[in-house]
Amino acid sequence: MDFSLNESQRELAALCRRIVADKATPRRQAEVEAAGDRFDPVLWADLADAGILAAALPESLDGAGLGLLEQCSVLEELGRAVAPVPYLASIVLGTGAIAAFGTPDQQNRWAAPAGRGELVITTALSEEDGDDPRSPSTTAEWVAGPSSEHAAAASPTPAAAAGRSAGHWLLTGTKTAVPAATRAGLILVPAATVSGPSNSIFSAISTRPCPERWSSSDFNRS
């Protein structure tokens, strides 16, 4: 079995290696560490400008249509330099999920800007009893009426809104670790619907994550 990288994977890795070697210098790393949140916006912007962040997105979203193995080659280079950027959380997990399963509107609204480096996306997977998004212990319940302080207030997508009165989704549960949460402008939260089938999963997309209150504006139920 041949496990060697193909040409596109080698080229993408080499490009990433050059950018990281130029930008993620020891002095710059120390500056980023001192800032506290381990995020280098300059390196992130350079990776976006080089097309690395969008490489695995489809061409319809201004990507190169590459795949997971190309992303792995990028992860290897970023890991080699301990680069302070949320590529795994934002591009592989968050943006990848929207590109694969989101509606066209969600893809253009969230995935495309993330590929341009304009938006950091993350996923709230880890819970006290596991991190499998197919069986979350966090629940989502539709509540009629205006949103409360702890509700995920938003207008659902047409599919979710069908047959429902005005209201909001109430998320209940604990997510123990959310990578890049302090930088994220969008958080995907897998949750099981209370009234639906046991295998029904509700993905709440929070546009303004905040420790005190969630403010969500886009939802998709699958």
N, C-alpha and C. Protein backbone atom coordinates (compact mmCIF):
# COMPACT_ATOMS: atom_id res chain seq x y z
N MET A 1 0.84 -1.19 0.00
CA MET A 1 0.00 0.00 0.00
C MET A 1 0.88 1.25 0.00
N ASP A 2 0.55 2.20 -0.86
CA ASP A 2 1.35 3.41 -1.01
C ASP A 2 0.76 4.52 -0.13
N PHE A 3 1.53 4.93 0.88
CA PHE A 3 1.08 5.98 1.78
C PHE A 3 1.77 7.32 1.50
N SER A 4 2.48 7.41 0.39
CA SER A 4 3.17 8.65 0.07
C SER A 4 2.17 9.72 -0.38
N LEU A 5 2.53 10.98 -0.16
CA LEU A 5 1.66 12.09 -0.53
C LEU A 5 1.67 12.28 -2.04
N ASN A 6 0.53 12.69 -2.60
CA ASN A 6 0.49 12.98 -4.02
C ASN A 6 0.99 14.41 -4.26
N GLU A 7 1.01 14.83 -5.50
CA GLU A 7 1.59 16.12 -5.84
C GLU A 7 0.86 17.28 -5.19
N SER A 8 -0.46 17.28 -5.21
CA SER A 8 -1.22 18.39 -4.63
C SER A 8 -1.01 18.47 -3.12
N GLN A 9 -0.90 17.31 -2.47
CA GLN A 9 -0.67 17.29 -1.03
C GLN A 9 0.72 17.81 -0.70
N ARG A 10 1.71 17.42 -1.50
CA ARG A 10 3.08 17.90 -1.26
C ARG A 10 3.19 19.39 -1.51
N GLU A 11 2.54 19.87 -2.56
CA GLU A 11 2.60 21.31 -2.86
C GLU A 11 1.93 22.14 -1.78
N LEU A 12 0.78 21.67 -1.31
CA LEU A 12 0.08 22.42 -0.27
C LEU A 12 0.89 22.42 1.02
N ALA A 13 1.49 21.28 1.36
CA ALA A 13 2.32 21.19 2.56
C ALA A 13 3.53 22.11 2.45
N ALA A 14 4.15 22.13 1.28
CA ALA A 14 5.33 22.98 1.09
C ALA A 14 4.98 24.45 1.20
N LEU A 15 3.85 24.84 0.64
CA LEU A 15 3.40 26.23 0.72
C LEU A 15 3.15 26.61 2.17
N CYS A 16 2.46 25.74 2.88
CA CYS A 16 2.18 26.00 4.30
C CYS A 16 3.47 26.08 5.10
N ARG A 17 4.42 25.21 4.80
CA ARG A 17 5.70 25.20 5.51
C ARG A 17 6.45 26.52 5.32
N ARG A 18 6.43 27.05 4.10
CA ARG A 18 7.13 28.31 3.83
C ARG A 18 6.49 29.47 4.59
N ILE A 19 5.18 29.52 4.58
CA ILE A 19 4.48 30.60 5.28
C ILE A 19 4.72 30.53 6.77
N VAL A 20 4.62 29.33 7.33
CA VAL A 20 4.81 29.17 8.77
C VAL A 20 6.25 29.50 9.17
N ALA A 21 7.22 29.07 8.36
CA ALA A 21 8.62 29.35 8.67
C ALA A 21 8.90 30.86 8.65
N ASP A 22 8.19 31.57 7.77
CA ASP A 22 8.40 33.01 7.65
C ASP A 22 7.69 33.79 8.76
N LYS A 23 6.51 33.33 9.15
CA LYS A 23 5.69 34.10 10.09
C LYS A 23 5.76 33.61 11.53
N ALA A 24 5.81 32.31 11.74
CA ALA A 24 5.77 31.76 13.10
C ALA A 24 7.18 31.64 13.67
N THR A 25 7.88 32.75 13.73
CA THR A 25 9.23 32.78 14.28
C THR A 25 9.17 32.68 15.80
N PRO A 26 10.26 32.30 16.46
CA PRO A 26 10.25 32.24 17.92
C PRO A 26 9.83 33.55 18.57
N ARG A 27 10.28 34.67 18.02
CA ARG A 27 9.90 35.96 18.60
C ARG A 27 8.39 36.20 18.45
N ARG A 28 7.85 35.87 17.26
CA ARG A 28 6.41 36.05 17.04
C ARG A 28 5.62 35.10 17.92
N GLN A 29 6.08 33.88 18.08
CA GLN A 29 5.40 32.92 18.93
C GLN A 29 5.33 33.43 20.37
N ALA A 30 6.42 34.02 20.83
CA ALA A 30 6.46 34.56 22.19
C ALA A 30 5.46 35.71 22.34
N GLU A 31 5.36 36.55 21.32
CA GLU A 31 4.40 37.66 21.36
C GLU A 31 2.97 37.14 21.44
N VAL A 32 2.67 36.12 20.65
CA VAL A 32 1.32 35.56 20.64
C VAL A 32 1.01 34.90 21.99
N GLU A 33 1.97 34.19 22.54
CA GLU A 33 1.79 33.55 23.84
C GLU A 33 1.50 34.60 24.91
N ALA A 34 2.20 35.71 24.84
CA ALA A 34 2.02 36.76 25.84
C ALA A 34 0.64 37.41 25.74
N ALA A 35 0.05 37.38 24.54
CA ALA A 35 -1.28 37.98 24.35
C ALA A 35 -2.37 37.18 25.06
N GLY A 36 -2.14 35.88 25.28
CA GLY A 36 -3.06 35.10 26.10
C GLY A 36 -3.97 34.13 25.40
N ASP A 37 -4.38 34.37 24.15
CA ASP A 37 -5.37 33.49 23.53
C ASP A 37 -4.80 32.60 22.43
N ARG A 38 -3.48 32.63 22.24
CA ARG A 38 -2.79 31.77 21.28
C ARG A 38 -3.43 31.81 19.89
N PHE A 39 -3.62 32.99 19.39
CA PHE A 39 -4.13 33.16 18.03
C PHE A 39 -3.30 34.22 17.33
N ASP A 40 -2.74 33.85 16.18
CA ASP A 40 -1.93 34.79 15.41
C ASP A 40 -2.73 35.25 14.19
N PRO A 41 -3.34 36.44 14.24
CA PRO A 41 -4.16 36.91 13.13
C PRO A 41 -3.35 37.16 11.86
N VAL A 42 -2.08 37.49 11.99
CA VAL A 42 -1.25 37.73 10.81
C VAL A 42 -1.01 36.42 10.06
N LEU A 43 -0.64 35.39 10.79
CA LEU A 43 -0.43 34.08 10.17
C LEU A 43 -1.73 33.54 9.57
N TRP A 44 -2.83 33.72 10.27
CA TRP A 44 -4.14 33.27 9.79
C TRP A 44 -4.49 33.96 8.47
N ALA A 45 -4.25 35.26 8.39
CA ALA A 45 -4.54 36.02 7.18
C ALA A 45 -3.64 35.56 6.02
N ASP A 46 -2.40 35.28 6.31
CA ASP A 46 -1.48 34.82 5.26
C ASP A 46 -1.88 33.44 4.74
N LEU A 47 -2.31 32.57 5.63
CA LEU A 47 -2.78 31.25 5.21
C LEU A 47 -4.03 31.38 4.34
N ALA A 48 -4.89 32.33 4.68
CA ALA A 48 -6.09 32.57 3.88
C ALA A 48 -5.73 33.14 2.51
N ASP A 49 -4.83 34.11 2.50
CA ASP A 49 -4.44 34.74 1.23
C ASP A 49 -3.79 33.74 0.29
N ALA A 50 -3.09 32.75 0.84
CA ALA A 50 -2.43 31.74 0.01
C ALA A 50 -3.38 30.66 -0.46
N GLY A 51 -4.64 30.71 -0.01
CA GLY A 51 -5.62 29.70 -0.41
C GLY A 51 -5.57 28.43 0.40
N ILE A 52 -4.80 28.41 1.48
CA ILE A 52 -4.66 27.20 2.29
C ILE A 52 -5.93 26.92 3.09
N LEU A 53 -6.54 27.96 3.65
CA LEU A 53 -7.74 27.74 4.45
C LEU A 53 -8.89 27.22 3.60
N ALA A 54 -8.99 27.68 2.37
CA ALA A 54 -10.11 27.30 1.50
C ALA A 54 -9.79 26.11 0.60
N ALA A 55 -8.61 25.53 0.73
CA ALA A 55 -8.17 24.50 -0.21
C ALA A 55 -9.14 23.33 -0.33
N ALA A 56 -9.76 22.92 0.77
CA ALA A 56 -10.65 21.76 0.74
C ALA A 56 -12.10 22.13 0.49
N LEU A 57 -12.39 23.42 0.37
CA LEU A 57 -13.76 23.82 0.05
C LEU A 57 -14.03 23.57 -1.43
N PRO A 58 -15.29 23.35 -1.81
CA PRO A 58 -15.60 23.19 -3.23
C PRO A 58 -15.34 24.47 -4.00
N GLU A 59 -15.17 24.35 -5.30
CA GLU A 59 -14.88 25.51 -6.13
C GLU A 59 -16.02 26.52 -6.09
N SER A 60 -17.24 26.05 -5.85
CA SER A 60 -18.39 26.96 -5.76
C SER A 60 -18.28 27.91 -4.58
N LEU A 61 -17.44 27.55 -3.60
CA LEU A 61 -17.22 28.40 -2.43
C LEU A 61 -15.81 28.99 -2.46
N ASP A 62 -15.27 29.14 -3.66
CA ASP A 62 -13.95 29.72 -3.87
C ASP A 62 -12.83 28.86 -3.31
N GLY A 63 -13.07 27.55 -3.24
CA GLY A 63 -12.04 26.63 -2.79
C GLY A 63 -11.38 25.93 -3.96
N ALA A 64 -10.49 24.98 -3.62
CA ALA A 64 -9.78 24.24 -4.65
C ALA A 64 -10.32 22.83 -4.84
N GLY A 65 -11.33 22.47 -4.05
CA GLY A 65 -11.95 21.15 -4.19
C GLY A 65 -11.07 20.01 -3.72
N LEU A 66 -10.11 20.28 -2.86
CA LEU A 66 -9.25 19.22 -2.33
C LEU A 66 -9.96 18.51 -1.18
N GLY A 67 -9.26 17.61 -0.49
CA GLY A 67 -9.94 16.79 0.51
C GLY A 67 -9.25 16.72 1.85
N LEU A 68 -9.64 15.70 2.62
CA LEU A 68 -9.14 15.54 3.99
C LEU A 68 -7.64 15.27 4.03
N LEU A 69 -7.12 14.51 3.08
CA LEU A 69 -5.69 14.22 3.09
C LEU A 69 -4.87 15.48 2.89
N GLU A 70 -5.36 16.39 2.06
CA GLU A 70 -4.67 17.67 1.89
C GLU A 70 -4.73 18.47 3.20
N GLN A 71 -5.86 18.42 3.88
CA GLN A 71 -5.96 19.10 5.17
C GLN A 71 -4.99 18.48 6.17
N CYS A 72 -4.83 17.16 6.12
CA CYS A 72 -3.88 16.50 7.02
C CYS A 72 -2.46 16.96 6.75
N SER A 73 -2.13 17.21 5.49
CA SER A 73 -0.78 17.69 5.18
C SER A 73 -0.57 19.09 5.75
N VAL A 74 -1.63 19.91 5.78
CA VAL A 74 -1.54 21.24 6.39
C VAL A 74 -1.41 21.11 7.90
N LEU A 75 -2.21 20.24 8.49
CA LEU A 75 -2.15 20.03 9.94
C LEU A 75 -0.76 19.58 10.38
N GLU A 76 -0.13 18.73 9.58
CA GLU A 76 1.22 18.26 9.91
C GLU A 76 2.20 19.42 9.97
N GLU A 77 2.12 20.33 9.02
CA GLU A 77 3.04 21.46 9.00
C GLU A 77 2.75 22.44 10.13
N LEU A 78 1.49 22.69 10.40
CA LEU A 78 1.13 23.59 11.49
C LEU A 78 1.53 22.98 12.83
N GLY A 79 1.34 21.67 12.97
CA GLY A 79 1.74 21.01 14.21
C GLY A 79 3.24 20.98 14.40
N ARG A 80 3.98 20.84 13.31
CA ARG A 80 5.44 20.81 13.39
C ARG A 80 5.98 22.11 14.01
N ALA A 81 5.30 23.22 13.68
CA ALA A 81 5.74 24.52 14.18
C ALA A 81 4.95 24.98 15.40
N VAL A 82 4.00 24.16 15.87
CA VAL A 82 3.09 24.53 16.97
C VAL A 82 2.48 25.90 16.65
N ALA A 83 2.01 26.04 15.43
CA ALA A 83 1.47 27.32 14.96
C ALA A 83 0.19 27.68 15.71
N PRO A 84 0.09 28.90 16.22
CA PRO A 84 -1.08 29.32 17.01
C PRO A 84 -2.25 29.77 16.15
N VAL A 85 -2.82 28.82 15.40
CA VAL A 85 -3.99 29.10 14.57
C VAL A 85 -4.98 27.94 14.70
N PRO A 86 -6.29 28.22 14.65
CA PRO A 86 -7.32 27.18 14.88
C PRO A 86 -7.72 26.44 13.61
N TYR A 87 -6.75 25.90 12.88
CA TYR A 87 -7.07 25.25 11.61
C TYR A 87 -7.95 24.01 11.81
N LEU A 88 -7.63 23.19 12.79
CA LEU A 88 -8.43 21.98 13.02
C LEU A 88 -9.85 22.34 13.42
N ALA A 89 -9.99 23.23 14.39
CA ALA A 89 -11.33 23.59 14.88
C ALA A 89 -12.14 24.33 13.84
N SER A 90 -11.54 25.34 13.22
CA SER A 90 -12.31 26.23 12.34
C SER A 90 -12.48 25.67 10.94
N ILE A 91 -11.41 25.13 10.35
CA ILE A 91 -11.48 24.72 8.95
C ILE A 91 -11.89 23.26 8.80
N VAL A 92 -11.21 22.36 9.49
CA VAL A 92 -11.50 20.93 9.32
C VAL A 92 -12.86 20.57 9.91
N LEU A 93 -13.10 20.96 11.15
CA LEU A 93 -14.34 20.56 11.83
C LEU A 93 -15.51 21.49 11.50
N GLY A 94 -15.37 22.77 11.81
CA GLY A 94 -16.49 23.70 11.64
C GLY A 94 -16.86 23.97 10.19
N THR A 95 -15.91 24.51 9.44
CA THR A 95 -16.18 24.84 8.03
C THR A 95 -16.46 23.59 7.22
N GLY A 96 -15.73 22.51 7.51
CA GLY A 96 -15.95 21.27 6.78
C GLY A 96 -17.36 20.73 6.96
N ALA A 97 -17.90 20.85 8.18
CA ALA A 97 -19.26 20.36 8.44
C ALA A 97 -20.29 21.17 7.67
N ILE A 98 -20.13 22.48 7.64
CA ILE A 98 -21.08 23.32 6.93
C ILE A 98 -20.98 23.10 5.42
N ALA A 99 -19.76 22.95 4.93
CA ALA A 99 -19.58 22.71 3.49
C ALA A 99 -20.21 21.39 3.07
N ALA A 100 -20.17 20.39 3.96
CA ALA A 100 -20.68 19.06 3.62
C ALA A 100 -22.18 18.93 3.85
N PHE A 101 -22.70 19.57 4.89
CA PHE A 101 -24.09 19.32 5.29
C PHE A 101 -24.97 20.56 5.33
N GLY A 102 -24.40 21.74 5.19
CA GLY A 102 -25.19 22.95 5.29
C GLY A 102 -26.00 23.23 4.03
N THR A 103 -26.97 24.09 4.16
CA THR A 103 -27.74 24.53 3.01
C THR A 103 -26.87 25.46 2.17
N PRO A 104 -27.22 25.70 0.91
CA PRO A 104 -26.43 26.65 0.10
C PRO A 104 -26.30 28.01 0.75
N ASP A 105 -27.37 28.48 1.41
CA ASP A 105 -27.30 29.77 2.09
C ASP A 105 -26.30 29.74 3.22
N GLN A 106 -26.31 28.67 4.01
CA GLN A 106 -25.37 28.54 5.13
C GLN A 106 -23.93 28.43 4.62
N GLN A 107 -23.74 27.72 3.53
CA GLN A 107 -22.40 27.57 2.97
C GLN A 107 -21.83 28.91 2.53
N ASN A 108 -22.65 29.70 1.84
CA ASN A 108 -22.18 31.00 1.38
C ASN A 108 -22.06 32.01 2.52
N ARG A 109 -22.90 31.84 3.51
CA ARG A 109 -22.94 32.77 4.62
C ARG A 109 -21.83 32.54 5.63
N TRP A 110 -21.45 31.25 5.81
CA TRP A 110 -20.48 30.92 6.84
C TRP A 110 -19.21 30.25 6.31
N ALA A 111 -19.34 29.22 5.49
CA ALA A 111 -18.17 28.47 5.04
C ALA A 111 -17.25 29.32 4.16
N ALA A 112 -17.83 30.04 3.22
CA ALA A 112 -17.01 30.85 2.32
C ALA A 112 -16.21 31.92 3.07
N PRO A 113 -16.82 32.69 3.98
CA PRO A 113 -16.04 33.67 4.75
C PRO A 113 -14.96 33.01 5.62
N ALA A 114 -15.25 31.83 6.16
CA ALA A 114 -14.25 31.13 6.96
C ALA A 114 -13.05 30.75 6.10
N GLY A 115 -13.31 30.33 4.87
CA GLY A 115 -12.23 29.99 3.95
C GLY A 115 -11.38 31.20 3.57
N ARG A 116 -11.99 32.38 3.66
CA ARG A 116 -11.25 33.62 3.38
C ARG A 116 -10.55 34.16 4.62
N GLY A 117 -10.72 33.48 5.74
CA GLY A 117 -10.10 33.92 6.97
C GLY A 117 -10.84 35.02 7.68
N GLU A 118 -12.06 35.31 7.25
CA GLU A 118 -12.84 36.41 7.82
C GLU A 118 -13.65 35.97 9.04
N LEU A 119 -13.80 34.68 9.24
CA LEU A 119 -14.64 34.15 10.31
C LEU A 119 -13.99 32.89 10.87
N VAL A 120 -13.96 32.78 12.19
CA VAL A 120 -13.50 31.56 12.86
C VAL A 120 -14.73 30.78 13.31
N ILE A 121 -14.78 29.52 12.91
CA ILE A 121 -15.88 28.63 13.28
C ILE A 121 -15.33 27.55 14.19
N THR A 122 -16.12 27.11 15.14
CA THR A 122 -15.70 25.99 15.97
C THR A 122 -16.89 25.10 16.28
N THR A 123 -16.62 23.99 16.93
CA THR A 123 -17.68 23.03 17.26
C THR A 123 -17.64 22.70 18.75
N ALA A 124 -18.80 22.62 19.36
CA ALA A 124 -18.91 22.26 20.78
C ALA A 124 -19.26 20.78 20.86
N LEU A 125 -18.25 19.92 20.78
CA LEU A 125 -18.48 18.48 20.76
C LEU A 125 -18.33 17.83 22.13
N SER A 126 -17.31 18.22 22.87
CA SER A 126 -16.97 17.53 24.12
C SER A 126 -18.02 17.74 25.20
N GLU A 127 -18.45 16.63 25.79
CA GLU A 127 -19.38 16.66 26.91
C GLU A 127 -18.80 15.82 28.04
N GLU A 128 -19.44 15.85 29.19
CA GLU A 128 -18.91 15.13 30.34
C GLU A 128 -18.86 13.63 30.12
N ASP A 129 -19.73 13.11 29.26
CA ASP A 129 -19.80 11.67 29.05
C ASP A 129 -19.37 11.26 27.64
N GLY A 130 -18.68 12.13 26.90
CA GLY A 130 -18.21 11.75 25.58
C GLY A 130 -18.19 12.93 24.62
N ASP A 131 -17.78 12.65 23.38
CA ASP A 131 -17.71 13.71 22.38
C ASP A 131 -18.20 13.25 21.01
N ASP A 132 -19.12 12.26 21.00
CA ASP A 132 -19.67 11.75 19.75
C ASP A 132 -20.86 12.62 19.35
N PRO A 133 -20.76 13.37 18.24
CA PRO A 133 -21.87 14.25 17.85
C PRO A 133 -23.13 13.50 17.46
N ARG A 134 -23.03 12.17 17.25
CA ARG A 134 -24.22 11.39 16.90
C ARG A 134 -25.07 11.05 18.10
N SER A 135 -24.52 11.19 19.30
CA SER A 135 -25.29 10.86 20.51
C SER A 135 -25.00 11.87 21.62
N PRO A 136 -25.35 13.14 21.39
CA PRO A 136 -25.08 14.16 22.41
C PRO A 136 -26.04 14.06 23.59
N SER A 137 -25.56 14.41 24.77
CA SER A 137 -26.44 14.48 25.93
C SER A 137 -27.10 15.85 26.02
N THR A 138 -26.55 16.84 25.36
CA THR A 138 -27.17 18.16 25.28
C THR A 138 -28.46 18.05 24.47
N THR A 139 -29.51 18.72 24.94
CA THR A 139 -30.81 18.64 24.27
C THR A 139 -31.23 20.01 23.74
N ALA A 140 -32.10 19.98 22.75
CA ALA A 140 -32.68 21.20 22.17
C ALA A 140 -34.20 21.05 22.18
N GLU A 141 -34.87 22.00 22.79
CA GLU A 141 -36.33 21.96 22.90
C GLU A 141 -36.93 23.24 22.33
N TRP A 142 -37.96 23.08 21.49
CA TRP A 142 -38.62 24.24 20.91
C TRP A 142 -39.58 24.82 21.94
N VAL A 143 -39.43 26.12 22.22
CA VAL A 143 -40.26 26.80 23.20
C VAL A 143 -40.96 27.96 22.52
N ALA A 144 -42.27 28.00 22.60
CA ALA A 144 -43.04 29.08 21.99
C ALA A 144 -42.87 30.36 22.79
N GLY A 145 -42.96 31.48 22.08
CA GLY A 145 -42.89 32.76 22.75
C GLY A 145 -41.51 33.38 22.66
N PRO A 146 -41.36 34.56 23.27
CA PRO A 146 -40.07 35.27 23.21
C PRO A 146 -38.98 34.52 23.94
N SER A 147 -37.75 34.78 23.54
CA SER A 147 -36.63 34.07 24.14
C SER A 147 -36.34 34.59 25.54
N SER A 148 -35.81 33.70 26.37
CA SER A 148 -35.39 34.07 27.71
C SER A 148 -33.90 34.32 27.70
N GLU A 149 -33.34 34.62 28.86
CA GLU A 149 -31.92 34.97 28.96
C GLU A 149 -31.03 33.82 28.52
N HIS A 150 -31.46 32.57 28.75
CA HIS A 150 -30.62 31.41 28.46
C HIS A 150 -31.07 30.66 27.21
N ALA A 151 -31.95 31.25 26.43
CA ALA A 151 -32.44 30.56 25.25
C ALA A 151 -31.59 30.89 24.04
N ALA A 152 -31.64 29.99 23.06
CA ALA A 152 -31.00 30.24 21.77
C ALA A 152 -32.05 30.89 20.89
N ALA A 153 -32.08 32.20 20.84
CA ALA A 153 -33.15 32.92 20.17
C ALA A 153 -32.82 33.14 18.71
N ALA A 154 -33.73 32.72 17.85
CA ALA A 154 -33.50 32.89 16.42
C ALA A 154 -34.74 32.50 15.64
N SER A 155 -34.73 32.83 14.36
CA SER A 155 -35.74 32.34 13.44
C SER A 155 -35.20 31.09 12.77
N PRO A 156 -35.85 29.93 12.92
CA PRO A 156 -35.33 28.71 12.32
C PRO A 156 -35.36 28.79 10.80
N THR A 157 -34.65 27.87 10.16
CA THR A 157 -34.72 27.77 8.71
C THR A 157 -36.11 27.31 8.34
N PRO A 158 -36.53 27.50 7.07
CA PRO A 158 -37.89 27.10 6.67
C PRO A 158 -38.23 25.67 7.02
N ALA A 159 -37.27 24.75 6.89
CA ALA A 159 -37.57 23.35 7.19
C ALA A 159 -37.89 23.15 8.66
N ALA A 160 -37.15 23.86 9.51
CA ALA A 160 -37.39 23.71 10.94
C ALA A 160 -38.62 24.49 11.38
N ALA A 161 -38.96 25.54 10.65
CA ALA A 161 -40.08 26.38 11.05
C ALA A 161 -41.43 25.82 10.64
N ALA A 162 -41.44 24.87 9.73
CA ALA A 162 -42.70 24.33 9.23
C ALA A 162 -43.54 23.76 10.36
N GLY A 163 -44.75 24.26 10.48
CA GLY A 163 -45.67 23.73 11.49
C GLY A 163 -45.39 24.23 12.88
N ARG A 164 -44.48 25.17 13.06
CA ARG A 164 -44.16 25.67 14.39
C ARG A 164 -44.63 27.12 14.53
N SER A 165 -45.01 27.47 15.74
CA SER A 165 -45.34 28.85 16.03
C SER A 165 -44.05 29.60 16.34
N ALA A 166 -44.17 30.92 16.45
CA ALA A 166 -42.99 31.72 16.75
C ALA A 166 -42.40 31.31 18.10
N GLY A 167 -41.10 31.27 18.18
CA GLY A 167 -40.47 30.87 19.42
C GLY A 167 -38.98 30.77 19.28
N HIS A 168 -38.36 29.90 20.07
CA HIS A 168 -36.92 29.78 20.07
C HIS A 168 -36.53 28.38 20.53
N TRP A 169 -35.28 28.02 20.24
CA TRP A 169 -34.75 26.74 20.71
C TRP A 169 -34.05 26.95 22.05
N LEU A 170 -34.34 26.09 22.99
CA LEU A 170 -33.71 26.13 24.30
C LEU A 170 -32.72 24.98 24.40
N LEU A 171 -31.44 25.29 24.50
CA LEU A 171 -30.40 24.28 24.62
C LEU A 171 -30.11 24.03 26.10
N THR A 172 -30.05 22.75 26.47
CA THR A 172 -29.78 22.37 27.84
C THR A 172 -28.66 21.33 27.86
N GLY A 173 -27.60 21.62 28.57
CA GLY A 173 -26.50 20.68 28.64
C GLY A 173 -25.19 21.39 28.94
N THR A 174 -24.13 20.61 28.99
CA THR A 174 -22.80 21.14 29.30
C THR A 174 -21.81 20.69 28.23
N LYS A 175 -21.11 21.63 27.66
CA LYS A 175 -20.01 21.35 26.74
C LYS A 175 -18.72 21.66 27.50
N THR A 176 -17.89 20.64 27.68
CA THR A 176 -16.75 20.78 28.58
C THR A 176 -15.54 21.45 27.94
N ALA A 177 -15.44 21.42 26.63
CA ALA A 177 -14.31 22.06 25.96
C ALA A 177 -14.72 22.49 24.56
N VAL A 178 -14.49 23.75 24.25
CA VAL A 178 -14.81 24.29 22.93
C VAL A 178 -13.55 24.98 22.41
N PRO A 179 -12.82 24.36 21.49
CA PRO A 179 -11.58 24.96 21.00
C PRO A 179 -11.81 26.26 20.26
N ALA A 180 -10.92 27.21 20.48
CA ALA A 180 -10.96 28.52 19.81
C ALA A 180 -12.25 29.28 20.10
N ALA A 181 -12.89 29.00 21.23
CA ALA A 181 -14.17 29.63 21.54
C ALA A 181 -14.04 31.14 21.70
N THR A 182 -12.90 31.60 22.23
CA THR A 182 -12.74 33.03 22.45
C THR A 182 -12.60 33.81 21.16
N ARG A 183 -12.26 33.13 20.07
CA ARG A 183 -12.10 33.77 18.77
C ARG A 183 -13.25 33.48 17.81
N ALA A 184 -14.07 32.50 18.15
CA ALA A 184 -15.11 32.04 17.22
C ALA A 184 -16.24 33.04 17.07
N GLY A 185 -16.67 33.21 15.84
CA GLY A 185 -17.86 33.99 15.57
C GLY A 185 -19.04 33.09 15.28
N LEU A 186 -18.79 31.78 15.30
CA LEU A 186 -19.83 30.80 14.97
C LEU A 186 -19.49 29.49 15.68
N ILE A 187 -20.45 28.93 16.41
CA ILE A 187 -20.23 27.67 17.11
C ILE A 187 -21.32 26.68 16.72
N LEU A 188 -20.92 25.50 16.26
CA LEU A 188 -21.87 24.43 15.96
C LEU A 188 -22.05 23.59 17.21
N VAL A 189 -23.31 23.42 17.63
CA VAL A 189 -23.60 22.71 18.86
C VAL A 189 -24.52 21.52 18.58
N PRO A 190 -23.99 20.31 18.50
CA PRO A 190 -24.86 19.13 18.33
C PRO A 190 -25.72 18.94 19.58
N ALA A 191 -27.01 18.72 19.35
CA ALA A 191 -27.93 18.50 20.46
C ALA A 191 -29.07 17.61 19.98
N ALA A 192 -29.57 16.77 20.88
CA ALA A 192 -30.69 15.88 20.56
C ALA A 192 -32.00 16.61 20.85
N THR A 193 -32.96 16.55 19.90
CA THR A 193 -34.24 17.20 20.12
C THR A 193 -35.05 16.42 21.14
N VAL A 194 -35.71 17.15 22.02
CA VAL A 194 -36.46 16.53 23.10
C VAL A 194 -37.70 15.82 22.58
N SER A 195 -38.41 16.45 21.64
CA SER A 195 -39.69 15.90 21.19
C SER A 195 -39.55 14.99 19.98
N GLY A 196 -38.39 14.98 19.35
CA GLY A 196 -38.22 14.19 18.15
C GLY A 196 -37.76 12.78 18.44
N PRO A 197 -37.45 12.00 17.40
CA PRO A 197 -36.94 10.65 17.58
C PRO A 197 -35.64 10.66 18.35
N SER A 198 -35.29 9.54 18.95
CA SER A 198 -34.09 9.47 19.78
C SER A 198 -32.83 9.75 18.97
N ASN A 199 -32.88 9.52 17.67
CA ASN A 199 -31.68 9.74 16.85
C ASN A 199 -31.73 11.07 16.10
N SER A 200 -32.69 11.93 16.47
CA SER A 200 -32.81 13.22 15.80
C SER A 200 -31.78 14.19 16.37
N ILE A 201 -30.98 14.78 15.51
CA ILE A 201 -29.93 15.68 15.95
C ILE A 201 -30.24 17.10 15.47
N PHE A 202 -30.05 18.02 16.35
CA PHE A 202 -30.31 19.42 16.06
C PHE A 202 -28.99 20.17 16.15
N SER A 203 -28.58 20.85 15.09
CA SER A 203 -27.34 21.60 15.11
C SER A 203 -27.65 23.08 15.24
N ALA A 204 -27.36 23.64 16.40
CA ALA A 204 -27.59 25.06 16.63
C ALA A 204 -26.34 25.82 16.25
N ILE A 205 -26.50 26.86 15.46
CA ILE A 205 -25.36 27.64 15.02
C ILE A 205 -25.40 28.99 15.72
N SER A 206 -24.50 29.20 16.65
CA SER A 206 -24.47 30.45 17.41
C SER A 206 -23.57 31.46 16.72
N THR A 207 -24.10 32.62 16.45
CA THR A 207 -23.32 33.62 15.73
C THR A 207 -22.56 34.57 16.64
N ARG A 208 -22.98 34.68 17.88
CA ARG A 208 -22.27 35.54 18.82
C ARG A 208 -22.06 34.82 20.13
N PRO A 209 -21.15 33.84 20.15
CA PRO A 209 -20.93 33.10 21.37
C PRO A 209 -20.44 34.01 22.49
N CYS A 210 -20.98 33.80 23.66
CA CYS A 210 -20.64 34.63 24.81
C CYS A 210 -20.80 33.79 26.06
N PRO A 211 -19.87 33.82 27.02
CA PRO A 211 -19.99 33.01 28.23
C PRO A 211 -21.28 33.27 28.99
N GLU A 212 -21.78 34.52 28.93
CA GLU A 212 -22.97 34.84 29.72
C GLU A 212 -24.27 34.50 28.99
N ARG A 213 -24.24 34.58 27.64
CA ARG A 213 -25.49 34.40 26.91
C ARG A 213 -25.21 34.02 25.47
N TRP A 214 -26.02 33.10 24.96
CA TRP A 214 -25.90 32.70 23.55
C TRP A 214 -26.87 33.53 22.74
N SER A 215 -26.40 34.03 21.60
CA SER A 215 -27.29 34.72 20.67
C SER A 215 -27.15 34.07 19.31
N SER A 216 -28.15 33.28 18.92
CA SER A 216 -28.04 32.51 17.69
C SER A 216 -28.96 33.08 16.62
N SER A 217 -28.55 32.92 15.37
CA SER A 217 -29.38 33.46 14.31
C SER A 217 -29.59 32.49 13.15
N ASP A 218 -29.13 31.27 13.29
CA ASP A 218 -29.32 30.34 12.19
C ASP A 218 -29.35 28.91 12.73
N PHE A 219 -30.33 28.14 12.33
CA PHE A 219 -30.47 26.79 12.83
C PHE A 219 -30.75 25.83 11.69
N ASN A 220 -30.28 24.62 11.84
CA ASN A 220 -30.57 23.58 10.86
C ASN A 220 -30.82 22.27 11.59
N ARG A 221 -31.90 21.61 11.29
CA ARG A 221 -32.22 20.35 11.93
C ARG A 221 -32.12 19.25 10.90
N SER A 222 -31.45 18.15 11.27
CA SER A 222 -31.29 17.04 10.35
C SER A 222 -31.62 15.73 11.03
